[in-house]
Amino acid sequence: MMQIGIVSDVKPGFAKVYFAEDKFASDWWPIIKMGTQNSKFCYPLHIGEQVACLSDEHSDDGVILGAIYSDEDMPPDSANNHTYVAHFEDGTEIIYDVQSHELTANIKGGATITAKKVNVTATEGVTITGNLTVIGNVAAGGLAISSAHGGDGSITSDADFTTTGDVKAGTVSLKTHIHTGVPTTDGMSGPPKP
């Protein structure tokens, strides 16, 4: 039979549910998940959360179908008929809007990705606001920096840069450029040229 109750205790994959109408508390009942064997999904319910359950007629055995919204616990403000939302208790929120085709992640702490290889393709560019730290090597093809306003970009660093390739400013090569003129009395030559 179908019952609506309130979570009274939790552990990963299971919860105890209190049914006020029958003044009855369940044992540890499993929470239905998308996968539990090779691919595993787990998210916690919270004490006080309203859930829908299925049980036998004596409520000896049952399963928790999932949490349900109520007048007290409403969907997050960012939810509508065309968004998929994961809103977490610390305020972190991940939203995909199928109308605007935009994925938004507002993460209150850090984000760590560990992968053998990461490819990012952005047909309209990548914007990084804040500091960028690269640990390791920049692979073949190099690193290109340009300005969004049509001028040259720049790299500023307190660290040393080491490269086995060439570095160019415009058409002037660091490895092969020459200087015009002869050294002057102060020991300076003329400006470099390609």
C-alpha atoms as a PDB file:
ATOM      1  CA  MET A   1       0.000   0.000   0.000  1.00  0.00           C
ATOM      2  CA  MET A   2       0.983   3.614  -0.574  1.00  0.00           C
ATOM      3  CA  GLN A   3       1.846   5.751   2.463  1.00  0.00           C
ATOM      4  CA  ILE A   4       3.132   9.278   3.076  1.00  0.00           C
ATOM      5  CA  GLY A   5       5.506   9.703   6.014  1.00  0.00           C
ATOM      6  CA  ILE A   6       8.293  11.809   7.492  1.00  0.00           C
ATOM      7  CA  VAL A   7      11.939  10.692   7.548  1.00  0.00           C
ATOM      8  CA  SER A   8      13.052  10.095  11.141  1.00  0.00           C
ATOM      9  CA  ASP A   9      16.558   8.676  10.616  1.00  0.00           C
ATOM     10  CA  VAL A  10      18.941   8.279   7.677  1.00  0.00           C
ATOM     11  CA  LYS A  11      21.969   6.359   6.472  1.00  0.00           C
ATOM     12  CA  PRO A  12      23.351   5.981   2.920  1.00  0.00           C
ATOM     13  CA  GLY A  13      20.737   4.199   0.785  1.00  0.00           C
ATOM     14  CA  PHE A  14      18.213   3.733   3.605  1.00  0.00           C
ATOM     15  CA  ALA A  15      15.937   5.690   5.943  1.00  0.00           C
ATOM     16  CA  LYS A  16      13.463   5.189   8.750  1.00  0.00           C
ATOM     17  CA  VAL A  17      10.044   6.761   8.240  1.00  0.00           C
ATOM     18  CA  TYR A  18       7.448   7.856  10.797  1.00  0.00           C
ATOM     19  CA  PHE A  19       3.783   7.649   9.835  1.00  0.00           C
ATOM     20  CA  ALA A  20       1.865  10.034  12.108  1.00  0.00           C
ATOM     21  CA  GLU A  21      -1.612   8.762  11.209  1.00  0.00           C
ATOM     22  CA  ASP A  22      -0.776   5.225  12.364  1.00  0.00           C
ATOM     23  CA  LYS A  23       1.722   6.359  15.026  1.00  0.00           C
ATOM     24  CA  PHE A  24       4.149   3.885  13.477  1.00  0.00           C
ATOM     25  CA  ALA A  25       7.896   4.099  12.716  1.00  0.00           C
ATOM     26  CA  SER A  26       9.384   1.840  10.060  1.00  0.00           C
ATOM     27  CA  ASP A  27      12.608  -0.115  10.270  1.00  0.00           C
ATOM     28  CA  TRP A  28      15.403   0.723   7.789  1.00  0.00           C
ATOM     29  CA  TRP A  29      13.700   0.787   4.398  1.00  0.00           C
ATOM     30  CA  PRO A  30      15.694   1.067   1.139  1.00  0.00           C
ATOM     31  CA  ILE A  31      15.388   4.196  -0.979  1.00  0.00           C
ATOM     32  CA  ILE A  32      14.746   3.546  -4.664  1.00  0.00           C
ATOM     33  CA  LYS A  33      17.746   4.645  -6.799  1.00  0.00           C
ATOM     34  CA  MET A  34      18.601   4.696 -10.523  1.00  0.00           C
ATOM     35  CA  GLY A  35      21.283   2.031 -10.025  1.00  0.00           C
ATOM     36  CA  THR A  36      22.810   0.073  -7.152  1.00  0.00           C
ATOM     37  CA  GLN A  37      25.026  -2.659  -8.645  1.00  0.00           C
ATOM     38  CA  ASN A  38      27.714  -1.731 -11.177  1.00  0.00           C
ATOM     39  CA  SER A  39      26.681   1.917 -11.533  1.00  0.00           C
ATOM     40  CA  LYS A  40      25.734   3.289  -8.129  1.00  0.00           C
ATOM     41  CA  PHE A  41      23.789   6.453  -7.329  1.00  0.00           C
ATOM     42  CA  CYS A  42      23.384   7.755  -3.807  1.00  0.00           C
ATOM     43  CA  TYR A  43      22.032  10.966  -2.320  1.00  0.00           C
ATOM     44  CA  PRO A  44      20.870  11.539   1.251  1.00  0.00           C
ATOM     45  CA  LEU A  45      17.344  12.179   2.408  1.00  0.00           C
ATOM     46  CA  HIS A  46      17.035  14.510   5.398  1.00  0.00           C
ATOM     47  CA  ILE A  47      15.340  14.052   8.741  1.00  0.00           C
ATOM     48  CA  GLY A  48      11.956  15.780   8.554  1.00  0.00           C
ATOM     49  CA  GLU A  49      11.626  15.300   4.784  1.00  0.00           C
ATOM     50  CA  GLN A  50       8.255  14.102   3.471  1.00  0.00           C
ATOM     51  CA  VAL A  51       8.458  10.856   1.466  1.00  0.00           C
ATOM     52  CA  ALA A  52       6.180   8.503  -0.426  1.00  0.00           C
ATOM     53  CA  CYS A  53       6.514   4.796   0.444  1.00  0.00           C
ATOM     54  CA  LEU A  54       5.170   1.440  -0.686  1.00  0.00           C
ATOM     55  CA  SER A  55       4.783  -1.312   1.882  1.00  0.00           C
ATOM     56  CA  ASP A  56       3.003  -4.592   2.535  1.00  0.00           C
ATOM     57  CA  GLU A  57      -0.365  -4.450   4.308  1.00  0.00           C
ATOM     58  CA  HIS A  58       1.238  -4.742   7.766  1.00  0.00           C
ATOM     59  CA  SER A  59       4.093  -2.291   6.995  1.00  0.00           C
ATOM     60  CA  ASP A  60       6.636  -4.978   7.880  1.00  0.00           C
ATOM     61  CA  ASP A  61       8.562  -4.424   4.643  1.00  0.00           C
ATOM     62  CA  GLY A  62       8.608  -1.383   2.423  1.00  0.00           C
ATOM     63  CA  VAL A  63      10.548   0.845   0.074  1.00  0.00           C
ATOM     64  CA  ILE A  64      10.888   4.615  -0.066  1.00  0.00           C
ATOM     65  CA  LEU A  65       9.917   5.861  -3.517  1.00  0.00           C
ATOM     66  CA  GLY A  66      11.366   9.309  -2.925  1.00  0.00           C
ATOM     67  CA  ALA A  67      10.824  12.725  -1.386  1.00  0.00           C
ATOM     68  CA  ILE A  68       7.781  14.768  -2.394  1.00  0.00           C
ATOM     69  CA  TYR A  69       7.139  18.514  -2.413  1.00  0.00           C
ATOM     70  CA  SER A  70       4.523  20.034  -0.126  1.00  0.00           C
ATOM     71  CA  ASP A  71       3.218  23.459   0.909  1.00  0.00           C
ATOM     72  CA  GLU A  72       6.102  23.664   3.401  1.00  0.00           C
ATOM     73  CA  ASP A  73       8.829  22.319   1.103  1.00  0.00           C
ATOM     74  CA  MET A  74       8.419  23.934  -2.296  1.00  0.00           C
ATOM     75  CA  PRO A  75      10.558  23.496  -5.452  1.00  0.00           C
ATOM     76  CA  PRO A  76      13.603  25.827  -5.660  1.00  0.00           C
ATOM     77  CA  ASP A  77      13.039  29.326  -7.055  1.00  0.00           C
ATOM     78  CA  SER A  78      15.083  28.514 -10.174  1.00  0.00           C
ATOM     79  CA  ALA A  79      12.773  25.607 -11.123  1.00  0.00           C
ATOM     80  CA  ASN A  80      10.277  26.037 -13.956  1.00  0.00           C
ATOM     81  CA  ASN A  81       8.839  23.977 -16.813  1.00  0.00           C
ATOM     82  CA  HIS A  82      12.060  24.055 -18.837  1.00  0.00           C
ATOM     83  CA  THR A  83      14.842  23.777 -16.238  1.00  0.00           C
ATOM     84  CA  TYR A  84      16.498  20.785 -14.607  1.00  0.00           C
ATOM     85  CA  VAL A  85      17.751  21.814 -11.182  1.00  0.00           C
ATOM     86  CA  ALA A  86      19.952  20.312  -8.462  1.00  0.00           C
ATOM     87  CA  HIS A  87      19.804  22.661  -5.467  1.00  0.00           C
ATOM     88  CA  PHE A  88      21.903  21.706  -2.426  1.00  0.00           C
ATOM     89  CA  GLU A  89      21.529  22.756   1.191  1.00  0.00           C
ATOM     90  CA  ASP A  90      24.695  24.924   1.156  1.00  0.00           C
ATOM     91  CA  GLY A  91      23.296  27.004  -1.720  1.00  0.00           C
ATOM     92  CA  THR A  92      25.235  25.255  -4.497  1.00  0.00           C
ATOM     93  CA  GLU A  93      23.024  24.948  -7.566  1.00  0.00           C
ATOM     94  CA  ILE A  94      23.377  23.285 -10.964  1.00  0.00           C
ATOM     95  CA  ILE A  95      20.791  24.288 -13.574  1.00  0.00           C
ATOM     96  CA  TYR A  96      20.263  23.257 -17.192  1.00  0.00           C
ATOM     97  CA  ASP A  97      17.802  25.370 -19.173  1.00  0.00           C
ATOM     98  CA  VAL A  98      16.547  23.532 -22.273  1.00  0.00           C
ATOM     99  CA  GLN A  99      15.146  26.737 -23.807  1.00  0.00           C
ATOM    100  CA  SER A 100      18.345  28.805 -23.607  1.00  0.00           C
ATOM    101  CA  HIS A 101      20.585  25.705 -23.936  1.00  0.00           C
ATOM    102  CA  GLU A 102      22.676  26.931 -20.999  1.00  0.00           C
ATOM    103  CA  LEU A 103      24.216  24.991 -18.127  1.00  0.00           C
ATOM    104  CA  THR A 104      24.863  27.064 -15.003  1.00  0.00           C
ATOM    105  CA  ALA A 105      26.790  25.821 -11.966  1.00  0.00           C
ATOM    106  CA  ASN A 106      27.019  28.041  -8.895  1.00  0.00           C
ATOM    107  CA  ILE A 107      29.374  26.148  -6.596  1.00  0.00           C
ATOM    108  CA  LYS A 108      29.921  27.522  -3.089  1.00  0.00           C
ATOM    109  CA  GLY A 109      33.262  25.734  -2.590  1.00  0.00           C
ATOM    110  CA  GLY A 110      35.911  24.363  -4.940  1.00  0.00           C
ATOM    111  CA  ALA A 111      35.524  22.028  -7.902  1.00  0.00           C
ATOM    112  CA  THR A 112      37.958  19.208  -8.664  1.00  0.00           C
ATOM    113  CA  ILE A 113      38.029  17.189 -11.890  1.00  0.00           C
ATOM    114  CA  THR A 114      40.357  14.206 -12.135  1.00  0.00           C
ATOM    115  CA  ALA A 115      40.514  12.724 -15.618  1.00  0.00           C
ATOM    116  CA  LYS A 116      42.939  11.047 -17.997  1.00  0.00           C
ATOM    117  CA  LYS A 117      42.147  13.696 -20.605  1.00  0.00           C
ATOM    118  CA  VAL A 118      39.878  16.739 -20.742  1.00  0.00           C
ATOM    119  CA  ASN A 119      38.750  18.350 -23.996  1.00  0.00           C
ATOM    120  CA  VAL A 120      36.941  21.679 -24.035  1.00  0.00           C
ATOM    121  CA  THR A 121      35.401  22.951 -27.270  1.00  0.00           C
ATOM    122  CA  ALA A 122      33.803  26.382 -27.087  1.00  0.00           C
ATOM    123  CA  THR A 123      32.715  27.703 -30.479  1.00  0.00           C
ATOM    124  CA  GLU A 124      32.370  31.243 -29.091  1.00  0.00           C
ATOM    125  CA  GLY A 125      35.420  31.265 -26.805  1.00  0.00           C
ATOM    126  CA  VAL A 126      36.354  30.648 -23.180  1.00  0.00           C
ATOM    127  CA  THR A 127      36.354  33.352 -20.511  1.00  0.00           C
ATOM    128  CA  ILE A 128      38.246  32.956 -17.250  1.00  0.00           C
ATOM    129  CA  THR A 129      37.657  35.542 -14.537  1.00  0.00           C
ATOM    130  CA  GLY A 130      40.219  35.377 -11.762  1.00  0.00           C
ATOM    131  CA  ASN A 131      43.592  33.667 -11.574  1.00  0.00           C
ATOM    132  CA  LEU A 132      44.642  30.758 -13.774  1.00  0.00           C
ATOM    133  CA  THR A 133      47.326  28.350 -12.591  1.00  0.00           C
ATOM    134  CA  VAL A 134      48.725  25.750 -14.987  1.00  0.00           C
ATOM    135  CA  ILE A 135      50.725  22.943 -13.372  1.00  0.00           C
ATOM    136  CA  GLY A 136      52.433  20.768 -15.942  1.00  0.00           C
ATOM    137  CA  ASN A 137      53.035  21.284 -19.628  1.00  0.00           C
ATOM    138  CA  VAL A 138      51.146  23.116 -22.347  1.00  0.00           C
ATOM    139  CA  ALA A 139      50.956  20.544 -25.119  1.00  0.00           C
ATOM    140  CA  ALA A 140      51.799  20.853 -28.816  1.00  0.00           C
ATOM    141  CA  GLY A 141      49.980  23.729 -30.411  1.00  0.00           C
ATOM    142  CA  GLY A 142      50.925  26.082 -27.618  1.00  0.00           C
ATOM    143  CA  LEU A 143      48.954  28.623 -25.686  1.00  0.00           C
ATOM    144  CA  ALA A 144      47.429  31.580 -27.519  1.00  0.00           C
ATOM    145  CA  ILE A 145      46.333  34.730 -25.681  1.00  0.00           C
ATOM    146  CA  SER A 146      44.452  37.506 -27.469  1.00  0.00           C
ATOM    147  CA  SER A 147      42.367  40.474 -26.457  1.00  0.00           C
ATOM    148  CA  ALA A 148      38.582  40.565 -26.763  1.00  0.00           C
ATOM    149  CA  HIS A 149      38.916  44.142 -28.020  1.00  0.00           C
ATOM    150  CA  GLY A 150      41.029  43.411 -31.070  1.00  0.00           C
ATOM    151  CA  GLY A 151      44.473  44.146 -29.602  1.00  0.00           C
ATOM    152  CA  ASP A 152      47.128  41.773 -28.402  1.00  0.00           C
ATOM    153  CA  GLY A 153      46.642  39.929 -25.137  1.00  0.00           C
ATOM    154  CA  SER A 154      49.284  39.669 -22.485  1.00  0.00           C
ATOM    155  CA  ILE A 155      50.642  37.251 -19.925  1.00  0.00           C
ATOM    156  CA  THR A 156      51.848  38.640 -16.611  1.00  0.00           C
ATOM    157  CA  SER A 157      53.717  36.454 -14.154  1.00  0.00           C
ATOM    158  CA  ASP A 158      56.209  36.610 -11.311  1.00  0.00           C
ATOM    159  CA  ALA A 159      57.480  33.177 -12.348  1.00  0.00           C
ATOM    160  CA  ASP A 160      60.058  32.262 -15.016  1.00  0.00           C
ATOM    161  CA  PHE A 161      58.922  30.808 -18.326  1.00  0.00           C
ATOM    162  CA  THR A 162      60.950  28.087 -20.008  1.00  0.00           C
ATOM    163  CA  THR A 163      60.330  26.958 -23.571  1.00  0.00           C
ATOM    164  CA  THR A 164      62.165  24.804 -26.081  1.00  0.00           C
ATOM    165  CA  GLY A 165      60.254  26.520 -28.870  1.00  0.00           C
ATOM    166  CA  ASP A 166      60.510  30.124 -30.001  1.00  0.00           C
ATOM    167  CA  VAL A 167      58.823  33.189 -28.520  1.00  0.00           C
ATOM    168  CA  LYS A 168      57.683  35.969 -30.865  1.00  0.00           C
ATOM    169  CA  ALA A 169      56.472  39.507 -30.358  1.00  0.00           C
ATOM    170  CA  GLY A 170      54.739  40.293 -33.630  1.00  0.00           C
ATOM    171  CA  THR A 171      57.256  39.083 -36.223  1.00  0.00           C
ATOM    172  CA  VAL A 172      60.328  39.488 -33.991  1.00  0.00           C
ATOM    173  CA  SER A 173      61.749  36.132 -32.929  1.00  0.00           C
ATOM    174  CA  LEU A 174      63.478  35.829 -29.562  1.00  0.00           C
ATOM    175  CA  LYS A 175      65.835  33.191 -31.004  1.00  0.00           C
ATOM    176  CA  THR A 176      66.683  34.615 -34.423  1.00  0.00           C
ATOM    177  CA  HIS A 177      66.154  38.403 -34.285  1.00  0.00           C
ATOM    178  CA  ILE A 178      68.963  40.844 -34.995  1.00  0.00           C
ATOM    179  CA  HIS A 179      69.505  44.446 -33.921  1.00  0.00           C
ATOM    180  CA  THR A 180      69.986  47.395 -36.211  1.00  0.00           C
ATOM    181  CA  GLY A 181      72.857  49.800 -35.911  1.00  0.00           C
ATOM    182  CA  VAL A 182      76.066  49.489 -33.977  1.00  0.00           C
ATOM    183  CA  PRO A 183      76.452  49.748 -30.218  1.00  0.00           C
ATOM    184  CA  THR A 184      76.372  53.328 -29.026  1.00  0.00           C
ATOM    185  CA  THR A 185      78.521  54.888 -26.318  1.00  0.00           C
ATOM    186  CA  ASP A 186      76.113  53.594 -23.692  1.00  0.00           C
ATOM    187  CA  GLY A 187      76.507  50.069 -25.081  1.00  0.00           C
ATOM    188  CA  MET A 188      72.990  49.906 -26.551  1.00  0.00           C
ATOM    189  CA  SER A 189      72.243  48.816 -30.095  1.00  0.00           C
ATOM    190  CA  GLY A 190      69.346  49.828 -32.269  1.00  0.00           C
ATOM    191  CA  PRO A 191      65.872  48.240 -32.037  1.00  0.00           C
ATOM    192  CA  PRO A 192      65.414  44.575 -32.932  1.00  0.00           C
ATOM    193  CA  LYS A 193      64.099  43.452 -36.308  1.00  0.00           C
ATOM    194  CA  PRO A 194      63.078  40.059 -37.672  1.00  0.00           C
END
